[in-house]
């Protein structure tokens, strides 16, 4: 064993399979999302918009844990594709509100099959999927709490 520490072995790292899973899952999304003319990050923004209908950039960034410098070009691209529009808030002119367009709502209908396709790729039971979801959100909450 040449005296090397077991601590730094890949097989002993929780972060490594998390990284690999995230990377591979995002890669699996590439094909169905290309048919929708979306990247994965644009897709999660659109899922947020489908849920909320309209929102400001700060709320989008906080919910999706995206840095505003990353979010701004993504919102511009989605606007250029006609899926969202921006308008100044009537209450506070400094606040820019992004809203779904009819084209953005139509895109939601076209995207309905994506989650089911991904579910079949993962091949987890409903219970396993719920356990994984719960554990991942527990990790996220713990990480956020430790940043404070």
Protein backbone atom coordinates (compact mmCIF):
# COMPACT_ATOMS: atom_id res chain seq x y z
CA UNK A 1 0.00 0.00 0.00
CA UNK A 2 3.09 2.28 0.13
CA UNK A 3 1.77 4.31 3.07
CA UNK A 4 -0.68 6.41 1.04
CA UNK A 5 -3.69 7.78 2.85
CA UNK A 6 -7.05 6.13 2.21
CA UNK A 7 -8.70 9.50 2.83
CA UNK A 8 -7.91 10.82 -0.64
CA UNK A 9 -8.93 7.73 -2.61
CA UNK A 10 -11.71 8.40 -5.15
CA UNK A 11 -13.58 5.35 -3.89
CA UNK A 12 -13.85 7.00 -0.48
CA UNK A 13 -15.22 10.33 -1.70
CA UNK A 14 -18.95 11.08 -1.66
CA UNK A 15 -18.34 14.10 -3.90
CA UNK A 16 -17.01 11.98 -6.77
CA UNK A 17 -20.15 9.89 -7.51
CA UNK A 18 -22.28 13.03 -6.96
CA UNK A 19 -20.20 14.85 -9.55
CA UNK A 20 -20.34 11.94 -12.00
CA UNK A 21 -24.11 11.52 -11.59
CA UNK A 22 -24.76 15.24 -12.10
CA UNK A 23 -22.56 15.31 -15.20
CA UNK A 24 -24.12 12.19 -16.71
CA UNK A 25 -27.68 13.26 -15.96
CA UNK A 26 -27.12 16.65 -17.59
CA UNK A 27 -25.61 14.82 -20.61
CA UNK A 28 -28.76 12.64 -20.84
CA UNK A 29 -30.87 15.80 -21.05
CA UNK A 30 -28.91 17.10 -24.06
CA UNK A 31 -30.81 15.23 -26.77
CA UNK A 32 -34.42 15.91 -25.71
CA UNK A 33 -33.58 19.50 -24.79
CA UNK A 34 -31.91 20.16 -28.14
CA UNK A 35 -35.28 19.36 -29.74
CA UNK A 36 -36.72 22.17 -27.58
CA UNK A 37 -33.81 24.52 -28.42
CA UNK A 38 -32.77 24.65 -24.76
CA UNK A 39 -29.65 23.98 -22.76
CA UNK A 40 -30.05 22.31 -19.38
CA UNK A 41 -29.65 25.60 -17.51
CA UNK A 42 -32.19 27.28 -19.79
CA UNK A 43 -34.52 24.34 -19.11
CA UNK A 44 -34.38 24.79 -15.34
CA UNK A 45 -35.08 28.50 -15.79
CA UNK A 46 -38.06 27.64 -17.97
CA UNK A 47 -39.34 25.12 -15.41
CA UNK A 48 -39.20 27.91 -12.84
CA UNK A 49 -41.01 30.27 -15.23
CA UNK A 50 -43.67 27.65 -16.05
CA UNK A 51 -44.33 27.40 -12.32
CA UNK A 52 -44.27 31.13 -11.52
CA UNK A 53 -45.38 32.72 -14.84
CA UNK A 54 -43.36 35.85 -13.99
CA UNK A 55 -40.55 36.80 -11.64
CA UNK A 56 -37.67 39.18 -11.20
CA UNK A 57 -34.04 38.27 -11.76
CA UNK A 58 -33.16 38.27 -8.06
CA UNK A 59 -35.88 35.73 -7.22
CA UNK A 60 -34.88 33.51 -10.13
CA UNK A 61 -31.21 33.63 -9.11
CA UNK A 62 -31.98 32.85 -5.45
CA UNK A 63 -34.31 29.96 -6.23
CA UNK A 64 -32.02 28.32 -8.80
CA UNK A 65 -28.79 29.17 -6.95
CA UNK A 66 -27.43 30.88 -10.06
CA UNK A 67 -25.07 33.81 -9.93
CA UNK A 68 -26.61 36.90 -11.55
CA UNK A 69 -23.65 37.12 -13.95
CA UNK A 70 -24.53 33.60 -15.15
CA UNK A 71 -28.27 34.22 -15.18
CA UNK A 72 -28.31 37.47 -17.20
CA UNK A 73 -27.03 35.99 -20.50
CA UNK A 74 -29.33 32.98 -20.09
CA UNK A 75 -32.37 35.23 -19.66
CA UNK A 76 -31.31 37.27 -22.68
CA UNK A 77 -31.08 34.12 -24.81
CA UNK A 78 -34.49 32.92 -23.65
CA UNK A 79 -35.88 36.35 -24.47
CA UNK A 80 -34.24 36.28 -27.92
CA UNK A 81 -35.88 32.89 -28.54
CA UNK A 82 -39.23 34.44 -27.68
CA UNK A 83 -39.93 32.30 -24.60
CA UNK A 84 -39.90 35.17 -22.07
CA UNK A 85 -40.18 38.96 -22.13
CA UNK A 86 -38.83 41.55 -19.76
CA UNK A 87 -40.56 44.68 -18.55
CA UNK A 88 -39.89 47.25 -15.87
CA UNK A 89 -42.03 46.94 -12.77
CA UNK A 90 -44.73 49.59 -12.53
CA UNK A 91 -44.14 49.75 -8.77
CA UNK A 92 -40.34 50.03 -8.84
CA UNK A 93 -38.79 50.97 -12.17
CA UNK A 94 -35.42 49.52 -11.09
CA UNK A 95 -37.00 46.07 -10.86
CA UNK A 96 -37.14 44.09 -14.12
CA UNK A 97 -39.86 41.45 -14.35
CA UNK A 98 -39.52 38.46 -16.67
CA UNK A 99 -42.75 36.84 -17.88
CA UNK A 100 -43.67 33.88 -20.05
CA UNK A 101 -44.79 34.52 -23.59
CA UNK A 102 -47.35 32.43 -25.45
CA UNK A 103 -44.41 30.72 -27.13
CA UNK A 104 -42.95 29.94 -23.69
CA UNK A 105 -46.24 28.42 -22.58
CA UNK A 106 -46.39 26.35 -25.77
CA UNK A 107 -42.85 25.13 -25.06
CA UNK A 108 -44.07 23.76 -21.73
CA UNK A 109 -46.49 21.46 -23.57
CA UNK A 110 -43.66 20.23 -25.79
CA UNK A 111 -41.45 19.58 -22.72
CA UNK A 112 -43.96 17.42 -20.85
CA UNK A 113 -42.29 14.16 -21.90
CA UNK A 114 -38.80 15.10 -20.71
CA UNK A 115 -39.21 14.21 -17.00
CA UNK A 116 -40.70 10.80 -17.83
CA UNK A 117 -37.88 10.07 -20.27
CA UNK A 118 -35.32 10.97 -17.60
CA UNK A 119 -37.15 8.89 -15.00
CA UNK A 120 -36.86 5.85 -17.25
CA UNK A 121 -33.11 6.47 -17.71
CA UNK A 122 -32.53 6.47 -13.95
CA UNK A 123 -34.45 3.22 -13.40
CA UNK A 124 -35.24 3.92 -9.73
CA UNK A 125 -38.37 2.84 -7.94
CA UNK A 126 -40.65 5.65 -6.78
CA UNK A 127 -39.44 5.07 -3.22
CA UNK A 128 -35.76 5.15 -4.25
CA UNK A 129 -36.35 8.34 -6.21
CA UNK A 130 -38.00 9.97 -3.20
CA UNK A 131 -35.16 8.85 -0.90
CA UNK A 132 -32.54 10.25 -3.28
CA UNK A 133 -34.47 13.51 -3.68
CA UNK A 134 -34.79 13.88 0.11
CA UNK A 135 -31.11 13.16 0.73
CA UNK A 136 -29.93 15.54 -1.99
CA UNK A 137 -32.05 18.37 -0.61
CA UNK A 138 -30.78 17.60 2.90
CA UNK A 139 -27.22 17.96 1.61
CA UNK A 140 -28.11 21.24 -0.14
CA UNK A 141 -29.72 22.66 3.00
CA UNK A 142 -26.72 21.64 5.09
CA UNK A 143 -24.34 23.27 2.63
CA UNK A 144 -26.39 26.48 2.59
CA UNK A 145 -26.56 26.55 6.39
CA UNK A 146 -22.80 26.09 6.65
CA UNK A 147 -22.21 29.05 4.31
CA UNK A 148 -23.91 31.45 6.72
